[in-house]
């Protein structure tokens, strides 16, 4: 992280990271799976839950 980033944004970023790691733990996903990947799957599952028909 750079020193030019506003502090509130940096705090929110850390909060999101902690929430994603907590979600990973609750889901029983191995620690080798990154927070970014957890976010990717959450967004993908939410997108599919809304009934979107994505092209294959």
PDB file of N, CA and C in Angstrom:
ATOM      1  N   UNK A   1       0.826  -1.176   0.000  1.00  0.00           N
ATOM      2  CA  UNK A   1       0.000   0.000   0.000  1.00  0.00           C
ATOM      3  C   UNK A   1       0.868   1.235   0.000  1.00  0.00           C
ATOM      4  N   UNK A   2       0.413   2.269  -0.666  1.00  0.00           N
ATOM      5  CA  UNK A   2       1.195   3.493  -0.731  1.00  0.00           C
ATOM      6  C   UNK A   2       0.774   4.442   0.376  1.00  0.00           C
ATOM      7  N   UNK A   3       1.642   5.372   0.695  1.00  0.00           N
ATOM      8  CA  UNK A   3       1.345   6.356   1.715  1.00  0.00           C
ATOM      9  C   UNK A   3       0.382   7.427   1.245  1.00  0.00           C
ATOM     10  N   UNK A   4       0.048   7.456  -0.038  1.00  0.00           N
ATOM     11  CA  UNK A   4      -0.839   8.486  -0.580  1.00  0.00           C
ATOM     12  C   UNK A   4      -2.307   8.093  -0.503  1.00  0.00           C
ATOM     13  N   UNK A   5      -2.591   6.890  -0.114  1.00  0.00           N
ATOM     14  CA  UNK A   5      -3.975   6.421  -0.054  1.00  0.00           C
ATOM     15  C   UNK A   5      -4.683   7.026   1.165  1.00  0.00           C
ATOM     16  N   UNK A   6      -5.903   7.537   1.015  1.00  0.00           N
ATOM     17  CA  UNK A   6      -6.619   8.092   2.170  1.00  0.00           C
ATOM     18  C   UNK A   6      -6.805   7.026   3.247  1.00  0.00           C
ATOM     19  N   UNK A   7      -6.635   7.421   4.491  1.00  0.00           N
ATOM     20  CA  UNK A   7      -6.718   6.477   5.599  1.00  0.00           C
ATOM     21  C   UNK A   7      -8.064   5.740   5.667  1.00  0.00           C
ATOM     22  N   UNK A   8      -9.219   6.414   5.519  1.00  0.00           N
ATOM     23  CA  UNK A   8     -10.477   5.662   5.601  1.00  0.00           C
ATOM     24  C   UNK A   8     -10.569   4.545   4.557  1.00  0.00           C
ATOM     25  N   UNK A   9     -10.078   4.796   3.342  1.00  0.00           N
ATOM     26  CA  UNK A   9     -10.101   3.765   2.311  1.00  0.00           C
ATOM     27  C   UNK A   9      -9.194   2.610   2.704  1.00  0.00           C
ATOM     28  N   UNK A  10      -8.049   2.909   3.251  1.00  0.00           N
ATOM     29  CA  UNK A  10      -7.127   1.861   3.688  1.00  0.00           C
ATOM     30  C   UNK A  10      -7.765   1.025   4.784  1.00  0.00           C
ATOM     31  N   UNK A  11      -8.444   1.658   5.724  1.00  0.00           N
ATOM     32  CA  UNK A  11      -9.107   0.909   6.802  1.00  0.00           C
ATOM     33  C   UNK A  11     -10.207   0.016   6.248  1.00  0.00           C
ATOM     34  N   UNK A  12     -10.991   0.536   5.325  1.00  0.00           N
ATOM     35  CA  UNK A  12     -12.059  -0.280   4.730  1.00  0.00           C
ATOM     36  C   UNK A  12     -11.479  -1.467   3.971  1.00  0.00           C
ATOM     37  N   UNK A  13     -10.341  -1.250   3.305  1.00  0.00           N
ATOM     38  CA  UNK A  13      -9.697  -2.334   2.580  1.00  0.00           C
ATOM     39  C   UNK A  13      -9.269  -3.453   3.498  1.00  0.00           C
ATOM     40  N   UNK A  14      -8.719  -3.072   4.647  1.00  0.00           N
ATOM     41  CA  UNK A  14      -8.312  -4.092   5.618  1.00  0.00           C
ATOM     42  C   UNK A  14      -9.517  -4.816   6.175  1.00  0.00           C
ATOM     43  N   UNK A  15     -10.614  -4.093   6.384  1.00  0.00           N
ATOM     44  CA  UNK A  15     -11.833  -4.702   6.895  1.00  0.00           C
ATOM     45  C   UNK A  15     -12.354  -5.736   5.901  1.00  0.00           C
ATOM     46  N   UNK A  16     -12.404  -5.384   4.636  1.00  0.00           N
ATOM     47  CA  UNK A  16     -12.856  -6.320   3.608  1.00  0.00           C
ATOM     48  C   UNK A  16     -11.955  -7.553   3.582  1.00  0.00           C
ATOM     49  N   UNK A  17     -10.652  -7.336   3.671  1.00  0.00           N
ATOM     50  CA  UNK A  17      -9.712  -8.453   3.656  1.00  0.00           C
ATOM     51  C   UNK A  17      -9.984  -9.386   4.829  1.00  0.00           C
ATOM     52  N   UNK A  18     -10.176  -8.823   6.011  1.00  0.00           N
ATOM     53  CA  UNK A  18     -10.458  -9.654   7.194  1.00  0.00           C
ATOM     54  C   UNK A  18     -11.778 -10.405   7.039  1.00  0.00           C
ATOM     55  N   UNK A  19     -12.788  -9.752   6.471  1.00  0.00           N
ATOM     56  CA  UNK A  19     -14.081 -10.410   6.274  1.00  0.00           C
ATOM     57  C   UNK A  19     -13.959 -11.564   5.283  1.00  0.00           C
ATOM     58  N   UNK A  20     -13.184 -11.376   4.231  1.00  0.00           N
ATOM     59  CA  UNK A  20     -12.995 -12.444   3.254  1.00  0.00           C
ATOM     60  C   UNK A  20     -12.243 -13.620   3.869  1.00  0.00           C
ATOM     61  N   UNK A  21     -11.245 -13.339   4.711  1.00  0.00           N
ATOM     62  CA  UNK A  21     -10.518 -14.420   5.379  1.00  0.00           C
ATOM     63  C   UNK A  21     -11.422 -15.156   6.366  1.00  0.00           C
ATOM     64  N   UNK A  22     -12.292 -14.426   7.058  1.00  0.00           N
ATOM     65  CA  UNK A  22     -13.243 -15.055   7.978  1.00  0.00           C
ATOM     66  C   UNK A  22     -14.226 -15.931   7.204  1.00  0.00           C
ATOM     67  N   UNK A  23     -14.698 -15.453   6.076  1.00  0.00           N
ATOM     68  CA  UNK A  23     -15.608 -16.226   5.239  1.00  0.00           C
ATOM     69  C   UNK A  23     -14.935 -17.497   4.746  1.00  0.00           C
ATOM     70  N   UNK A  24     -13.687 -17.378   4.353  1.00  0.00           N
ATOM     71  CA  UNK A  24     -12.917 -18.547   3.918  1.00  0.00           C
ATOM     72  C   UNK A  24     -12.856 -19.591   5.026  1.00  0.00           C
ATOM     73  N   UNK A  25     -12.618 -19.139   6.247  1.00  0.00           N
ATOM     74  CA  UNK A  25     -12.518 -20.056   7.380  1.00  0.00           C
ATOM     75  C   UNK A  25     -13.865 -20.715   7.664  1.00  0.00           C
ATOM     76  N   UNK A  26     -14.937 -19.945   7.680  1.00  0.00           N
ATOM     77  CA  UNK A  26     -16.274 -20.487   7.936  1.00  0.00           C
ATOM     78  C   UNK A  26     -16.652 -21.519   6.873  1.00  0.00           C
ATOM     79  N   UNK A  27     -16.248 -21.264   5.639  1.00  0.00           N
ATOM     80  CA  UNK A  27     -16.570 -22.175   4.536  1.00  0.00           C
ATOM     81  C   UNK A  27     -15.685 -23.415   4.532  1.00  0.00           C
ATOM     82  N   UNK A  28     -14.643 -23.413   5.371  1.00  0.00           N
ATOM     83  CA  UNK A  28     -13.753 -24.569   5.423  1.00  0.00           C
ATOM     84  C   UNK A  28     -12.812 -24.662   4.239  1.00  0.00           C
ATOM     85  N   UNK A  29     -12.525 -23.525   3.645  1.00  0.00           N
ATOM     86  CA  UNK A  29     -11.633 -23.478   2.488  1.00  0.00           C
ATOM     87  C   UNK A  29     -10.183 -23.402   2.993  1.00  0.00           C
ATOM     88  N   UNK A  30      -9.269 -24.106   2.366  1.00  0.00           N
ATOM     89  CA  UNK A  30      -7.864 -24.090   2.813  1.00  0.00           C
ATOM     90  C   UNK A  30      -7.254 -22.695   2.787  1.00  0.00           C
ATOM     91  N   UNK A  31      -6.297 -22.459   3.673  1.00  0.00           N
ATOM     92  CA  UNK A  31      -5.615 -21.166   3.747  1.00  0.00           C
ATOM     93  C   UNK A  31      -4.821 -20.852   2.490  1.00  0.00           C
ATOM     94  N   UNK A  32      -4.537 -21.845   1.685  1.00  0.00           N
ATOM     95  CA  UNK A  32      -3.811 -21.617   0.433  1.00  0.00           C
ATOM     96  C   UNK A  32      -4.643 -20.797  -0.556  1.00  0.00           C
ATOM     97  N   UNK A  33      -5.956 -20.729  -0.347  1.00  0.00           N
ATOM     98  CA  UNK A  33      -6.855 -19.957  -1.212  1.00  0.00           C
ATOM     99  C   UNK A  33      -6.810 -18.502  -0.742  1.00  0.00           C
ATOM    100  N   UNK A  34      -6.490 -17.591  -1.646  1.00  0.00           N
ATOM    101  CA  UNK A  34      -6.331 -16.179  -1.287  1.00  0.00           C
ATOM    102  C   UNK A  34      -7.674 -15.485  -1.047  1.00  0.00           C
ATOM    103  N   UNK A  35      -7.595 -14.357  -0.342  1.00  0.00           N
ATOM    104  CA  UNK A  35      -8.786 -13.537  -0.123  1.00  0.00           C
ATOM    105  C   UNK A  35      -9.351 -13.055  -1.463  1.00  0.00           C
ATOM    106  N   UNK A  36      -8.478 -12.768  -2.409  1.00  0.00           N
ATOM    107  CA  UNK A  36      -8.924 -12.337  -3.730  1.00  0.00           C
ATOM    108  C   UNK A  36      -9.755 -13.431  -4.405  1.00  0.00           C
ATOM    109  N   UNK A  37      -9.332 -14.668  -4.297  1.00  0.00           N
ATOM    110  CA  UNK A  37     -10.081 -15.785  -4.893  1.00  0.00           C
ATOM    111  C   UNK A  37     -11.425 -15.964  -4.190  1.00  0.00           C
ATOM    112  N   UNK A  38     -11.438 -15.803  -2.861  1.00  0.00           N
ATOM    113  CA  UNK A  38     -12.704 -15.884  -2.115  1.00  0.00           C
ATOM    114  C   UNK A  38     -13.663 -14.819  -2.645  1.00  0.00           C
ATOM    115  N   UNK A  39     -13.161 -13.602  -2.834  1.00  0.00           N
ATOM    116  CA  UNK A  39     -13.981 -12.515  -3.373  1.00  0.00           C
ATOM    117  C   UNK A  39     -14.499 -12.860  -4.761  1.00  0.00           C
ATOM    118  N   UNK A  40     -13.643 -13.418  -5.585  1.00  0.00           N
ATOM    119  CA  UNK A  40     -14.015 -13.820  -6.940  1.00  0.00           C
ATOM    120  C   UNK A  40     -15.188 -14.799  -6.914  1.00  0.00           C
ATOM    121  N   UNK A  41     -15.110 -15.795  -6.055  1.00  0.00           N
ATOM    122  CA  UNK A  41     -16.163 -16.811  -5.980  1.00  0.00           C
ATOM    123  C   UNK A  41     -17.455 -16.217  -5.418  1.00  0.00           C
ATOM    124  N   UNK A  42     -17.346 -15.353  -4.417  1.00  0.00           N
ATOM    125  CA  UNK A  42     -18.535 -14.714  -3.844  1.00  0.00           C
ATOM    126  C   UNK A  42     -19.263 -13.892  -4.899  1.00  0.00           C
ATOM    127  N   UNK A  43     -18.514 -13.099  -5.659  1.00  0.00           N
ATOM    128  CA  UNK A  43     -19.137 -12.275  -6.709  1.00  0.00           C
ATOM    129  C   UNK A  43     -19.755 -13.168  -7.785  1.00  0.00           C
ATOM    130  N   UNK A  44     -19.051 -14.210  -8.185  1.00  0.00           N
ATOM    131  CA  UNK A  44     -19.556 -15.132  -9.203  1.00  0.00           C
ATOM    132  C   UNK A  44     -20.836 -15.815  -8.724  1.00  0.00           C
ATOM    133  N   UNK A  45     -20.840 -16.279  -7.480  1.00  0.00           N
ATOM    134  CA  UNK A  45     -22.034 -16.959  -6.960  1.00  0.00           C
ATOM    135  C   UNK A  45     -23.200 -15.995  -6.830  1.00  0.00           C
ATOM    136  N   UNK A  46     -22.931 -14.766  -6.405  1.00  0.00           N
ATOM    137  CA  UNK A  46     -23.997 -13.773  -6.308  1.00  0.00           C
ATOM    138  C   UNK A  46     -24.565 -13.442  -7.672  1.00  0.00           C
ATOM    139  N   UNK A  47     -23.716 -13.366  -8.669  1.00  0.00           N
ATOM    140  CA  UNK A  47     -24.150 -13.091 -10.033  1.00  0.00           C
ATOM    141  C   UNK A  47     -25.066 -14.217 -10.533  1.00  0.00           C
ATOM    142  N   UNK A  48     -24.661 -15.444 -10.300  1.00  0.00           N
ATOM    143  CA  UNK A  48     -25.469 -16.598 -10.729  1.00  0.00           C
ATOM    144  C   UNK A  48     -26.774 -16.674  -9.957  1.00  0.00           C
ATOM    145  N   UNK A  49     -26.765 -16.298  -8.685  1.00  0.00           N
ATOM    146  CA  UNK A  49     -27.976 -16.359  -7.858  1.00  0.00           C
ATOM    147  C   UNK A  49     -29.035 -15.384  -8.344  1.00  0.00           C
ATOM    148  N   UNK A  50     -28.621 -14.321  -9.025  1.00  0.00           N
ATOM    149  CA  UNK A  50     -29.567 -13.334  -9.530  1.00  0.00           C
ATOM    150  C   UNK A  50     -30.262 -13.826 -10.808  1.00  0.00           C
ATOM    151  N   UNK A  51     -29.899 -14.997 -11.282  1.00  0.00           N
ATOM    152  CA  UNK A  51     -30.570 -15.566 -12.433  1.00  0.00           C
ATOM    153  C   UNK A  51     -30.008 -15.142 -13.779  1.00  0.00           C
ATOM    154  N   UNK A  52     -28.813 -14.584 -13.800  1.00  0.00           N
ATOM    155  CA  UNK A  52     -28.207 -14.174 -15.054  1.00  0.00           C
ATOM    156  C   UNK A  52     -27.808 -15.425 -15.861  1.00  0.00           C
ATOM    157  N   UNK A  53     -28.110 -15.386 -17.118  1.00  0.00           N
ATOM    158  CA  UNK A  53     -27.715 -16.478 -18.008  1.00  0.00           C
ATOM    159  C   UNK A  53     -26.434 -16.060 -18.715  1.00  0.00           C
ATOM    160  N   UNK A  54     -25.312 -16.427 -18.154  1.00  0.00           N
ATOM    161  CA  UNK A  54     -24.031 -16.080 -18.761  1.00  0.00           C
ATOM    162  C   UNK A  54     -23.750 -16.976 -19.960  1.00  0.00           C
ATOM    163  N   UNK A  55     -23.174 -16.415 -21.009  1.00  0.00           N
ATOM    164  CA  UNK A  55     -22.826 -17.247 -22.159  1.00  0.00           C
ATOM    165  C   UNK A  55     -21.755 -18.270 -21.777  1.00  0.00           C
ATOM    166  N   UNK A  56     -21.828 -19.407 -22.385  1.00  0.00           N
ATOM    167  CA  UNK A  56     -20.866 -20.474 -22.081  1.00  0.00           C
ATOM    168  C   UNK A  56     -19.749 -20.465 -23.088  1.00  0.00           C
TER     169      UNK A  56
END
